Amino acid sequence: MSENSQQLTFDELVKQGHLEVDHNNFHQAASYFEMAYDKKQELDLNRILVGTLYEDQQFSLANVYLEDFLDDYLNTEELFKLAINVLLKNQNFIYAREMANFSDPRWQSWAIDEISNQEASVRSQMSATQKTLMQSFYHLSDGNFAKQRSRFENSFKLPLHEWWSGTKFLLLDPYINPLIRSSLIETAQKLQIDEKVDFYWIDKKIYQVNPSKLKPLLQVDEYIKLKKMLDDELGADDPMAGEMLTANLRMQTSILYPKISSGIFEISNWIDEMINQYQGADKISRISDKQRKIFEQIEKLIDEIVKSEHEQEKRASNN
C-alpha cells in the first residue's frame, strides 16, 4: 500500500477498500477500511471492516472491532451470524451464548447448534491452552482484583459446561473479590442457567439462587429506586456529580447483587450518605449503625478495587 493512501479522504478509502474486495484482496481491503474507520466510526463501516477481517482470517482483530457495535449486530440475521462466527473463531463461547440468548428467537437454534458443535470440537481436542485456561479459572482467587478480573474475562473462552462447573465451585470461595463473584452470577443470569446454586455473600453466609429467575441488575426494583432517588436529589445542576455517583452506585449494587435489598435497606439514607461524602458536606447523618457498617464495607471494597486497577495500569505502563 502506497504512502499516498494516508492522504485519501474517508470516502476515497472506503471506495478503494471495496475495489480490493471486488478482487478478493481482503488483506489490502481491510487496511483501507481500517484507515477509514480511524476517521469515522459508524455501524455500516464497522460491519464491512469486521466482515473483511473475517474473510482475511484476522479473527482476533475482527473481534476487537466487533465489540464497538456489538449490540447492533442483533438487528439483522446477517449481522448476527457474522458476530457469532467471529466470536466462535476466537473461542468466545460464553459471549456467543449471551448474544444468542438476546437474539431473535428465530436465530437461536442455529446459534446454539454452532456454539455446541464448536465447544464439542474444542473439548475433544483439549489443547494445552484450554487446560491452562481451565486451571487458571478454577484457581481464580489466587491474586489481587486485577488478576482475578483478568482470569474471569479469560474464562469466557471455556465451553459452557466447564465454565459453569468452575463457577459453582468459585461462588463458594470466600477469597474471591465480591465484585467478581457477583459478576459470575450476573453472567449466569444472562445465560439463563436454570439451576439452584449456593453462593457466599459479603456477610460471610451461604445463600441459594437460581440465575434464570433473576432480573438483570439494571432492571432490579431496588436499583431503579436508588437511581431515581439519586437523580432526584442531584437534579440537573451538576452532571459530573451525577455521572460519578451513578457509576459508584452501579458498582455498589453490583457487589451486592443479587441481594441488593439485603444490603441497602435504608434507600434514602444510603443516597444521602453517598452525596454527602462526594460533596464533603458536614451534615448530620440519619443512617443507622447497621446500614453504615455495610456502606463502609462496600466503600472499602471499591477503594481496594480501584487501587488494584491503578497498580495494574502502572505496572503495564512501566513494562
Protein backbone atom coordinates (compact mmCIF):
# COMPACT_ATOMS: atom_id res chain seq x y z
CA MET A 1 0.00 0.00 0.00
CA SER A 2 1.40 3.36 -1.03
CA GLU A 3 2.17 6.24 1.32
CA ASN A 4 -0.37 8.29 -0.62
CA SER A 5 -3.09 6.16 0.98
CA GLN A 6 -2.63 8.17 4.16
CA GLN A 7 -3.75 11.29 2.25
CA LEU A 8 -7.01 9.80 0.98
CA THR A 9 -10.33 11.07 2.27
CA PHE A 10 -12.81 8.87 4.13
CA ASP A 11 -14.91 8.27 1.02
CA GLU A 12 -11.83 7.54 -1.08
CA LEU A 13 -10.55 5.00 1.44
CA VAL A 14 -13.92 3.21 1.53
CA LYS A 15 -14.12 3.18 -2.26
CA GLN A 16 -10.60 1.78 -2.56
CA GLY A 17 -11.42 -0.87 0.04
CA HIS A 18 -14.45 -2.00 -1.97
CA LEU A 19 -12.32 -2.21 -5.12
CA GLU A 20 -9.91 -4.53 -3.31
CA VAL A 21 -12.81 -6.67 -2.06
CA ASP A 22 -14.06 -7.00 -5.65
CA HIS A 23 -10.71 -8.61 -6.48
CA ASN A 24 -10.74 -10.76 -3.31
CA ASN A 25 -7.77 -8.82 -1.95
CA PHE A 26 -9.16 -8.91 1.58
CA HIS A 27 -5.92 -8.04 3.34
CA GLN A 28 -5.46 -4.83 1.37
CA ALA A 29 -9.17 -4.05 1.65
CA ALA A 30 -9.08 -4.40 5.42
CA SER A 31 -6.19 -1.93 5.60
CA TYR A 32 -8.17 0.68 3.67
CA PHE A 33 -11.28 0.10 5.77
CA GLU A 34 -9.25 0.38 8.97
CA MET A 35 -7.85 3.76 7.89
CA ALA A 36 -11.36 4.93 7.04
CA TYR A 37 -12.66 3.65 10.38
CA ASP A 38 -9.97 5.65 12.20
CA LYS A 39 -11.53 8.74 10.63
CA LYS A 40 -15.18 7.87 11.29
CA GLN A 41 -16.65 5.11 13.47
CA GLU A 42 -20.04 4.08 12.14
CA LEU A 43 -22.01 0.84 12.10
CA ASP A 44 -22.08 0.31 8.34
CA LEU A 45 -18.31 0.64 8.02
CA ASN A 46 -17.82 -1.45 11.18
CA ARG A 47 -19.84 -4.25 9.58
CA ILE A 48 -17.76 -4.06 6.39
CA LEU A 49 -14.47 -3.95 8.32
CA VAL A 50 -15.37 -6.88 10.59
CA GLY A 51 -16.56 -8.93 7.61
CA THR A 52 -13.40 -8.18 5.64
CA LEU A 53 -11.13 -9.04 8.57
CA TYR A 54 -13.08 -12.27 8.98
CA GLU A 55 -12.54 -13.15 5.30
CA ASP A 56 -8.83 -12.33 5.74
CA GLN A 57 -8.78 -14.68 8.78
CA GLN A 58 -7.74 -11.86 11.10
CA PHE A 59 -10.22 -13.20 13.64
CA SER A 60 -8.75 -11.61 16.75
CA LEU A 61 -8.75 -8.12 15.23
CA ALA A 62 -12.27 -8.67 13.88
CA ASN A 63 -13.37 -9.43 17.44
CA VAL A 64 -11.84 -6.17 18.70
CA TYR A 65 -13.81 -4.07 16.19
CA LEU A 66 -16.95 -6.15 16.69
CA GLU A 67 -17.13 -5.01 20.31
CA ASP A 68 -17.60 -1.37 19.22
CA PHE A 69 -21.12 -2.07 17.95
CA LEU A 70 -21.87 -5.50 19.43
CA ASP A 71 -25.49 -4.75 20.38
CA ASP A 72 -26.24 -3.54 16.84
CA TYR A 73 -25.28 -6.96 15.49
CA LEU A 74 -28.55 -8.23 16.95
CA ASN A 75 -30.55 -6.17 14.45
CA THR A 76 -30.38 -8.46 11.41
CA GLU A 77 -29.77 -12.16 10.85
CA GLU A 78 -26.80 -11.44 8.58
CA LEU A 79 -25.05 -9.29 11.20
CA PHE A 80 -25.93 -11.72 13.98
CA LYS A 81 -24.42 -14.69 12.14
CA LEU A 82 -21.27 -12.71 11.38
CA ALA A 83 -20.91 -11.81 15.06
CA ILE A 84 -21.41 -15.40 16.22
CA ASN A 85 -18.87 -16.67 13.68
CA VAL A 86 -16.30 -14.08 14.79
CA LEU A 87 -16.84 -14.93 18.45
CA LEU A 88 -16.52 -18.66 17.78
CA LYS A 89 -13.33 -18.23 15.76
CA ASN A 90 -11.91 -16.61 18.91
CA GLN A 91 -13.46 -19.33 21.12
CA ASN A 92 -15.50 -16.72 22.97
CA PHE A 93 -18.15 -19.30 23.85
CA ILE A 94 -19.75 -17.53 26.80
CA TYR A 95 -20.11 -14.22 24.95
CA ALA A 96 -21.56 -16.11 21.98
CA ARG A 97 -24.14 -17.82 24.22
CA GLU A 98 -25.04 -14.50 25.85
CA MET A 99 -25.56 -12.99 22.42
CA ALA A 100 -27.68 -15.94 21.32
CA ASN A 101 -29.92 -15.51 24.35
CA PHE A 102 -30.56 -11.86 23.47
CA SER A 103 -31.18 -12.54 19.77
CA ASP A 104 -34.34 -13.06 17.74
CA PRO A 105 -35.78 -16.48 18.76
CA ARG A 106 -35.80 -17.49 15.08
CA TRP A 107 -32.00 -17.40 15.00
CA GLN A 108 -31.28 -19.01 18.36
CA SER A 109 -31.39 -22.69 17.39
CA TRP A 110 -28.81 -22.13 14.63
CA ALA A 111 -26.54 -20.22 17.02
CA ILE A 112 -26.78 -22.76 19.85
CA ASP A 113 -26.04 -25.61 17.43
CA GLU A 114 -22.99 -23.77 16.09
CA ILE A 115 -21.72 -22.97 19.57
CA SER A 116 -22.32 -26.51 20.87
CA ASN A 117 -20.50 -28.03 17.89
CA GLN A 118 -17.51 -25.74 18.38
CA GLU A 119 -17.46 -26.48 22.11
CA ALA A 120 -17.52 -30.22 21.42
CA SER A 121 -14.64 -29.84 18.98
CA VAL A 122 -12.56 -27.89 21.50
CA ARG A 123 -13.40 -30.36 24.24
CA SER A 124 -12.35 -33.38 22.18
CA GLN A 125 -9.07 -31.76 21.23
CA MET A 126 -8.47 -30.14 24.63
CA SER A 127 -5.34 -28.15 23.93
CA ALA A 128 -2.70 -27.07 26.42
CA THR A 129 -4.12 -23.54 26.14
CA GLN A 130 -7.61 -24.69 27.12
CA LYS A 131 -6.25 -26.73 30.01
CA THR A 132 -4.29 -23.70 31.25
CA LEU A 133 -7.40 -21.53 30.96
CA MET A 134 -9.41 -24.02 32.96
CA GLN A 135 -6.81 -24.35 35.72
CA SER A 136 -6.41 -20.58 35.89
CA PHE A 137 -10.18 -20.11 36.19
CA TYR A 138 -10.59 -22.77 38.85
CA HIS A 139 -7.84 -21.04 40.88
CA LEU A 140 -9.30 -17.59 40.28
CA SER A 141 -8.93 -16.45 43.90
CA ASP A 142 -5.11 -16.56 43.69
CA GLY A 143 -4.06 -12.92 43.36
CA ASN A 144 -5.45 -9.40 43.65
CA PHE A 145 -8.55 -7.99 42.00
CA ALA A 146 -6.85 -7.14 38.70
CA LYS A 147 -5.58 -10.70 38.35
CA GLN A 148 -8.97 -12.14 39.31
CA ARG A 149 -10.71 -9.89 36.78
CA SER A 150 -8.32 -11.00 34.05
CA ARG A 151 -8.94 -14.67 34.82
CA PHE A 152 -12.69 -14.06 34.93
CA GLU A 153 -12.64 -12.43 31.48
CA ASN A 154 -10.44 -15.18 30.04
CA SER A 155 -12.85 -17.81 31.34
CA PHE A 156 -15.34 -16.77 28.64
CA LYS A 157 -13.24 -18.83 26.24
CA LEU A 158 -14.23 -22.02 28.08
CA PRO A 159 -17.15 -24.18 26.90
CA LEU A 160 -20.31 -23.65 28.94
CA HIS A 161 -20.13 -26.96 30.85
CA GLU A 162 -16.57 -26.31 32.03
CA TRP A 163 -17.34 -22.66 32.79
CA TRP A 164 -20.41 -23.47 34.87
CA SER A 165 -18.68 -26.32 36.74
CA GLY A 166 -15.93 -23.92 37.75
CA THR A 167 -18.37 -21.12 38.57
CA LYS A 168 -20.36 -23.26 41.01
CA PHE A 169 -17.16 -24.03 42.87
CA LEU A 170 -15.96 -20.41 42.81
CA LEU A 171 -19.22 -18.97 44.12
CA LEU A 172 -18.41 -20.60 47.46
CA ASP A 173 -14.81 -19.37 47.59
CA PRO A 174 -14.57 -16.66 50.31
CA TYR A 175 -11.28 -15.36 48.88
CA ILE A 176 -12.79 -14.23 45.59
CA ASN A 177 -13.47 -10.50 45.35
CA PRO A 178 -17.23 -9.94 45.90
CA LEU A 179 -17.49 -7.98 42.63
CA ILE A 180 -16.06 -10.93 40.69
CA ARG A 181 -18.40 -13.32 42.50
CA SER A 182 -21.46 -11.21 41.68
CA SER A 183 -20.21 -10.89 38.08
CA LEU A 184 -20.24 -14.67 37.84
CA ILE A 185 -23.87 -14.65 38.98
CA GLU A 186 -24.72 -11.84 36.54
CA THR A 187 -23.18 -13.85 33.71
CA ALA A 188 -25.14 -16.95 34.72
CA GLN A 189 -28.29 -14.78 34.69
CA LYS A 190 -27.53 -13.62 31.13
CA LEU A 191 -27.00 -17.26 30.15
CA GLN A 192 -30.36 -18.11 31.79
CA ILE A 193 -28.90 -21.09 33.64
CA ASP A 194 -31.85 -22.82 35.29
CA GLU A 195 -30.24 -24.45 38.31
CA LYS A 196 -30.13 -23.65 42.01
CA VAL A 197 -26.66 -22.83 43.20
CA ASP A 198 -25.14 -21.82 46.55
CA PHE A 199 -23.10 -18.65 46.86
CA TYR A 200 -21.07 -16.86 49.54
CA TRP A 201 -22.15 -13.27 50.24
CA ILE A 202 -20.48 -10.28 51.92
CA ASP A 203 -21.98 -11.17 55.33
CA LYS A 204 -19.94 -14.41 55.22
CA LYS A 205 -23.09 -16.53 54.95
CA ILE A 206 -24.20 -19.00 52.28
CA TYR A 207 -27.35 -18.36 50.23
CA GLN A 208 -29.00 -20.04 47.27
CA VAL A 209 -30.10 -18.60 43.93
CA ASN A 210 -31.40 -19.74 40.55
CA PRO A 211 -29.81 -17.44 37.94
CA SER A 212 -32.65 -17.90 35.45
CA LYS A 213 -35.11 -16.45 37.98
CA LEU A 214 -33.11 -13.24 38.48
CA LYS A 215 -33.57 -9.89 36.77
CA PRO A 216 -30.59 -8.13 35.14
CA LEU A 217 -29.02 -5.71 37.62
CA LEU A 218 -30.29 -2.55 35.92
CA GLN A 219 -33.85 -3.92 35.96
CA VAL A 220 -33.86 -4.83 39.66
CA ASP A 221 -36.51 -2.78 41.51
CA GLU A 222 -34.10 -1.71 44.25
CA TYR A 223 -31.55 -0.41 41.73
CA ILE A 224 -34.24 1.51 39.84
CA LYS A 225 -35.44 3.15 43.08
CA LEU A 226 -31.90 4.05 44.13
CA LYS A 227 -31.06 5.51 40.72
CA LYS A 228 -34.26 7.58 40.61
CA MET A 229 -33.67 8.91 44.10
CA LEU A 230 -30.08 9.81 43.23
CA ASP A 231 -31.23 11.64 40.09
CA ASP A 232 -33.95 13.48 42.01
CA GLU A 233 -31.55 14.55 44.76
CA LEU A 234 -28.86 15.80 42.38
CA GLY A 235 -31.13 17.35 39.78
CA ALA A 236 -29.51 18.57 36.56
CA ASP A 237 -27.24 21.17 38.15
CA ASP A 238 -24.10 19.03 38.43
CA PRO A 239 -23.85 16.49 35.57
CA MET A 240 -20.32 15.48 36.59
CA ALA A 241 -21.51 14.54 40.08
CA GLY A 242 -24.40 12.65 38.54
CA GLU A 243 -22.09 10.67 36.29
CA MET A 244 -19.60 9.82 39.04
CA LEU A 245 -22.19 8.89 41.65
CA THR A 246 -24.19 6.82 39.16
CA ALA A 247 -21.03 4.86 38.34
CA ASN A 248 -20.39 4.42 42.06
CA LEU A 249 -23.97 3.26 42.64
CA ARG A 250 -23.62 0.79 39.79
CA MET A 251 -20.54 -0.71 41.41
CA GLN A 252 -22.09 -0.75 44.89
CA THR A 253 -25.17 -2.62 43.68
CA SER A 254 -23.04 -4.93 41.52
CA ILE A 255 -21.11 -6.01 44.60
CA LEU A 256 -24.37 -6.66 46.47
CA TYR A 257 -26.11 -8.45 43.56
CA PRO A 258 -28.32 -10.46 43.74
CA LYS A 259 -29.16 -9.46 47.35
CA ILE A 260 -29.33 -5.69 46.88
CA SER A 261 -32.29 -5.21 49.21
CA SER A 262 -30.47 -7.11 51.97
CA GLY A 263 -27.50 -4.78 51.61
CA ILE A 264 -29.33 -1.49 51.09
CA PHE A 265 -32.42 -1.32 53.28
CA GLU A 266 -32.35 2.42 54.03
CA ILE A 267 -32.53 3.71 50.47
CA SER A 268 -32.95 7.41 51.25
CA ASN A 269 -30.20 7.42 53.89
CA TRP A 270 -27.85 5.50 51.60
CA ILE A 271 -28.25 8.07 48.82
CA ASP A 272 -27.82 10.94 51.30
CA GLU A 273 -24.60 9.35 52.56
CA MET A 274 -23.26 8.99 49.00
CA ILE A 275 -23.97 12.63 48.17
CA ASN A 276 -22.63 13.95 51.49
CA GLN A 277 -19.37 12.06 51.05
CA TYR A 278 -18.98 13.27 47.46
CA GLN A 279 -19.65 16.89 48.41
CA GLY A 280 -17.62 16.69 51.62
CA ALA A 281 -20.66 18.04 53.42
CA ASP A 282 -20.65 18.02 57.22
CA LYS A 283 -24.30 17.13 57.67
CA ILE A 284 -25.99 15.16 60.41
CA SER A 285 -26.29 11.60 59.16
CA ARG A 286 -29.54 9.70 59.61
CA ILE A 287 -28.08 6.36 58.58
CA SER A 288 -28.30 3.58 61.18
CA ASP A 289 -25.22 1.83 62.55
CA LYS A 290 -26.27 -1.40 60.83
CA GLN A 291 -26.65 0.29 57.44
CA ARG A 292 -23.48 2.36 57.91
CA LYS A 293 -21.47 -0.80 58.54
CA ILE A 294 -22.49 -2.20 55.15
CA PHE A 295 -21.97 1.17 53.45
CA GLU A 296 -18.41 1.42 54.77
CA GLN A 297 -17.72 -2.22 53.92
CA ILE A 298 -18.78 -1.63 50.29
CA GLU A 299 -16.82 1.62 50.00
CA LYS A 300 -13.70 -0.11 51.34
CA LEU A 301 -14.10 -2.86 48.76
CA ILE A 302 -14.44 -0.28 45.99
CA ASP A 303 -11.32 1.57 47.20
CA GLU A 304 -9.38 -1.71 47.12
CA ILE A 305 -10.63 -2.47 43.60
CA VAL A 306 -9.68 0.98 42.31
CA LYS A 307 -6.26 0.77 43.96
CA SER A 308 -5.62 -2.66 42.43
CA GLU A 309 -6.62 -1.42 38.98
CA HIS A 310 -4.34 1.64 39.27
CA GLU A 311 -1.42 -0.54 40.33
CA GLN A 312 -2.05 -2.84 37.38
CA GLU A 313 -2.11 0.11 34.96
CA LYS A 314 1.10 1.47 36.48
CA ARG A 315 2.87 -1.86 36.08
CA ALA A 316 1.64 -2.16 32.49
CA SER A 317 2.90 1.33 31.60
CA ASN A 318 6.33 0.57 33.09
CA ASN A 319 6.77 -2.59 31.04
